[in-house]
Amino acid sequence: MVAVTLICSDPAPSQLTAEVVTDLIWMHSQYEDRVEHIRARVELNRCRIAAAIIAATPDAATAKLRRVCERALQYTPALRNWCLVLT
């Protein structure tokens, strides 16, 4: 299980729900990402996404989740003001 965080640059609270974010991330995951499970939690302008991903190492799993999220951010209008937090 690995996790990443998205933040919204808009100071107004997001209208996205955890269910919507989860669906959007699933929509942008591909077979080769090896995603098994996704869970999201949205609090104001922050979204924490946790996922079970099949990978050789935790770092590789995190990299896969980051790529999935980057695709979702790039191609989803509802996530236009969101960005991946670099940790």
C-alpha atoms as a PDB file:
ATOM      1  CA  MET A   1       0.000   0.000   0.000  1.00  0.00           C
ATOM      2  CA  VAL A   2       1.408   3.377  -1.038  1.00  0.00           C
ATOM      3  CA  ALA A   3       0.016   6.905  -0.924  1.00  0.00           C
ATOM      4  CA  VAL A   4       0.335  10.300  -2.579  1.00  0.00           C
ATOM      5  CA  THR A   5      -1.184  13.688  -1.884  1.00  0.00           C
ATOM      6  CA  LEU A   6      -2.846  16.134  -4.259  1.00  0.00           C
ATOM      7  CA  ILE A   7      -3.456  19.756  -3.359  1.00  0.00           C
ATOM      8  CA  CYS A   8      -5.703  22.342  -4.970  1.00  0.00           C
ATOM      9  CA  SER A   9      -4.323  25.796  -5.703  1.00  0.00           C
ATOM     10  CA  ASP A  10      -7.795  27.341  -5.458  1.00  0.00           C
ATOM     11  CA  PRO A  11      -8.363  28.699  -1.940  1.00  0.00           C
ATOM     12  CA  ALA A  12     -12.068  27.781  -2.062  1.00  0.00           C
ATOM     13  CA  PRO A  13     -12.821  24.280  -0.735  1.00  0.00           C
ATOM     14  CA  SER A  14     -13.019  21.626  -3.408  1.00  0.00           C
ATOM     15  CA  GLN A  15     -16.365  20.202  -4.444  1.00  0.00           C
ATOM     16  CA  LEU A  16     -14.793  16.852  -5.299  1.00  0.00           C
ATOM     17  CA  THR A  17     -15.766  13.888  -3.180  1.00  0.00           C
ATOM     18  CA  ALA A  18     -13.571  10.920  -2.300  1.00  0.00           C
ATOM     19  CA  GLU A  19     -15.748   8.713  -4.499  1.00  0.00           C
ATOM     20  CA  VAL A  20     -15.307  10.975  -7.522  1.00  0.00           C
ATOM     21  CA  VAL A  21     -11.537  11.169  -7.063  1.00  0.00           C
ATOM     22  CA  THR A  22     -11.343   7.389  -6.701  1.00  0.00           C
ATOM     23  CA  ASP A  23     -13.309   6.931  -9.933  1.00  0.00           C
ATOM     24  CA  LEU A  24     -11.131   9.458 -11.778  1.00  0.00           C
ATOM     25  CA  ILE A  25      -7.937   7.726 -10.696  1.00  0.00           C
ATOM     26  CA  TRP A  26      -9.350   4.325 -11.724  1.00  0.00           C
ATOM     27  CA  MET A  27     -10.264   5.765 -15.130  1.00  0.00           C
ATOM     28  CA  HIS A  28      -6.628   6.701 -15.740  1.00  0.00           C
ATOM     29  CA  SER A  29      -5.005   3.526 -14.470  1.00  0.00           C
ATOM     30  CA  GLN A  30      -3.844   1.083 -17.087  1.00  0.00           C
ATOM     31  CA  TYR A  31      -3.275  -2.657 -16.928  1.00  0.00           C
ATOM     32  CA  GLU A  32       0.507  -2.249 -16.732  1.00  0.00           C
ATOM     33  CA  ASP A  33       0.158  -0.016 -13.653  1.00  0.00           C
ATOM     34  CA  ARG A  34      -0.929  -3.143 -11.723  1.00  0.00           C
ATOM     35  CA  VAL A  35      -3.345  -1.212  -9.496  1.00  0.00           C
ATOM     36  CA  GLU A  36      -5.334  -3.519  -7.225  1.00  0.00           C
ATOM     37  CA  HIS A  37      -7.204  -1.082  -4.981  1.00  0.00           C
ATOM     38  CA  ILE A  38      -7.633   2.696  -4.662  1.00  0.00           C
ATOM     39  CA  ARG A  39      -8.932   4.741  -1.751  1.00  0.00           C
ATOM     40  CA  ALA A  40      -9.171   8.544  -1.574  1.00  0.00           C
ATOM     41  CA  ARG A  41      -9.872  10.996   1.217  1.00  0.00           C
ATOM     42  CA  VAL A  42     -10.658  14.650   0.443  1.00  0.00           C
ATOM     43  CA  GLU A  43     -10.308  17.374   3.071  1.00  0.00           C
ATOM     44  CA  LEU A  44     -10.766  20.957   1.876  1.00  0.00           C
ATOM     45  CA  ASN A  45      -7.967  21.541  -0.668  1.00  0.00           C
ATOM     46  CA  ARG A  46      -6.060  18.318   0.000  1.00  0.00           C
ATOM     47  CA  CYS A  47      -6.664  14.817  -1.264  1.00  0.00           C
ATOM     48  CA  ARG A  48      -4.833  11.755   0.000  1.00  0.00           C
ATOM     49  CA  ILE A  49      -4.849   8.784  -2.371  1.00  0.00           C
ATOM     50  CA  ALA A  50      -3.792   5.345  -1.166  1.00  0.00           C
ATOM     51  CA  ALA A  51      -3.436   2.377  -3.462  1.00  0.00           C
ATOM     52  CA  ALA A  52      -2.429  -1.247  -3.420  1.00  0.00           C
ATOM     53  CA  ILE A  53      -0.157  -1.714  -6.405  1.00  0.00           C
ATOM     54  CA  ILE A  54       1.806  -4.767  -7.459  1.00  0.00           C
ATOM     55  CA  ALA A  55       5.452  -3.764  -7.810  1.00  0.00           C
ATOM     56  CA  ALA A  56       8.911  -5.055  -6.926  1.00  0.00           C
ATOM     57  CA  THR A  57       9.517  -2.368  -4.299  1.00  0.00           C
ATOM     58  CA  PRO A  58       7.537   0.277  -2.399  1.00  0.00           C
ATOM     59  CA  ASP A  59       9.366   2.983  -4.370  1.00  0.00           C
ATOM     60  CA  ALA A  60       8.319   1.369  -7.655  1.00  0.00           C
ATOM     61  CA  ALA A  61       4.710   1.171  -6.443  1.00  0.00           C
ATOM     62  CA  THR A  62       4.779   4.854  -5.454  1.00  0.00           C
ATOM     63  CA  ALA A  63       6.202   5.781  -8.864  1.00  0.00           C
ATOM     64  CA  LYS A  64       3.369   3.881 -10.575  1.00  0.00           C
ATOM     65  CA  LEU A  65       0.739   5.639  -8.475  1.00  0.00           C
ATOM     66  CA  ARG A  66       2.327   9.003  -9.225  1.00  0.00           C
ATOM     67  CA  ARG A  67       2.170   8.262 -12.976  1.00  0.00           C
ATOM     68  CA  VAL A  68      -1.501   7.301 -12.747  1.00  0.00           C
ATOM     69  CA  CYS A  69      -2.269  10.504 -10.824  1.00  0.00           C
ATOM     70  CA  GLU A  70      -0.264  12.612 -13.279  1.00  0.00           C
ATOM     71  CA  ARG A  71      -2.331  11.196 -16.155  1.00  0.00           C
ATOM     72  CA  ALA A  72      -5.534  11.988 -14.268  1.00  0.00           C
ATOM     73  CA  LEU A  73      -4.351  15.527 -13.551  1.00  0.00           C
ATOM     74  CA  GLN A  74      -3.367  16.069 -17.174  1.00  0.00           C
ATOM     75  CA  TYR A  75      -6.541  14.758 -18.795  1.00  0.00           C
ATOM     76  CA  THR A  76      -9.327  15.484 -16.295  1.00  0.00           C
ATOM     77  CA  PRO A  77     -10.932  18.947 -16.328  1.00  0.00           C
ATOM     78  CA  ALA A  78     -12.316  18.425 -12.796  1.00  0.00           C
ATOM     79  CA  LEU A  79      -8.721  18.197 -11.537  1.00  0.00           C
ATOM     80  CA  ARG A  80      -7.467  21.255 -13.411  1.00  0.00           C
ATOM     81  CA  ASN A  81      -6.439  23.234 -10.303  1.00  0.00           C
ATOM     82  CA  TRP A  82      -4.947  20.231  -8.521  1.00  0.00           C
ATOM     83  CA  CYS A  83      -1.299  19.164  -8.420  1.00  0.00           C
ATOM     84  CA  LEU A  84       0.724  16.309  -7.027  1.00  0.00           C
ATOM     85  CA  VAL A  85       2.718  17.170  -3.916  1.00  0.00           C
ATOM     86  CA  LEU A  86       6.373  16.269  -4.273  1.00  0.00           C
ATOM     87  CA  THR A  87       7.635  14.477  -1.188  1.00  0.00           C
END
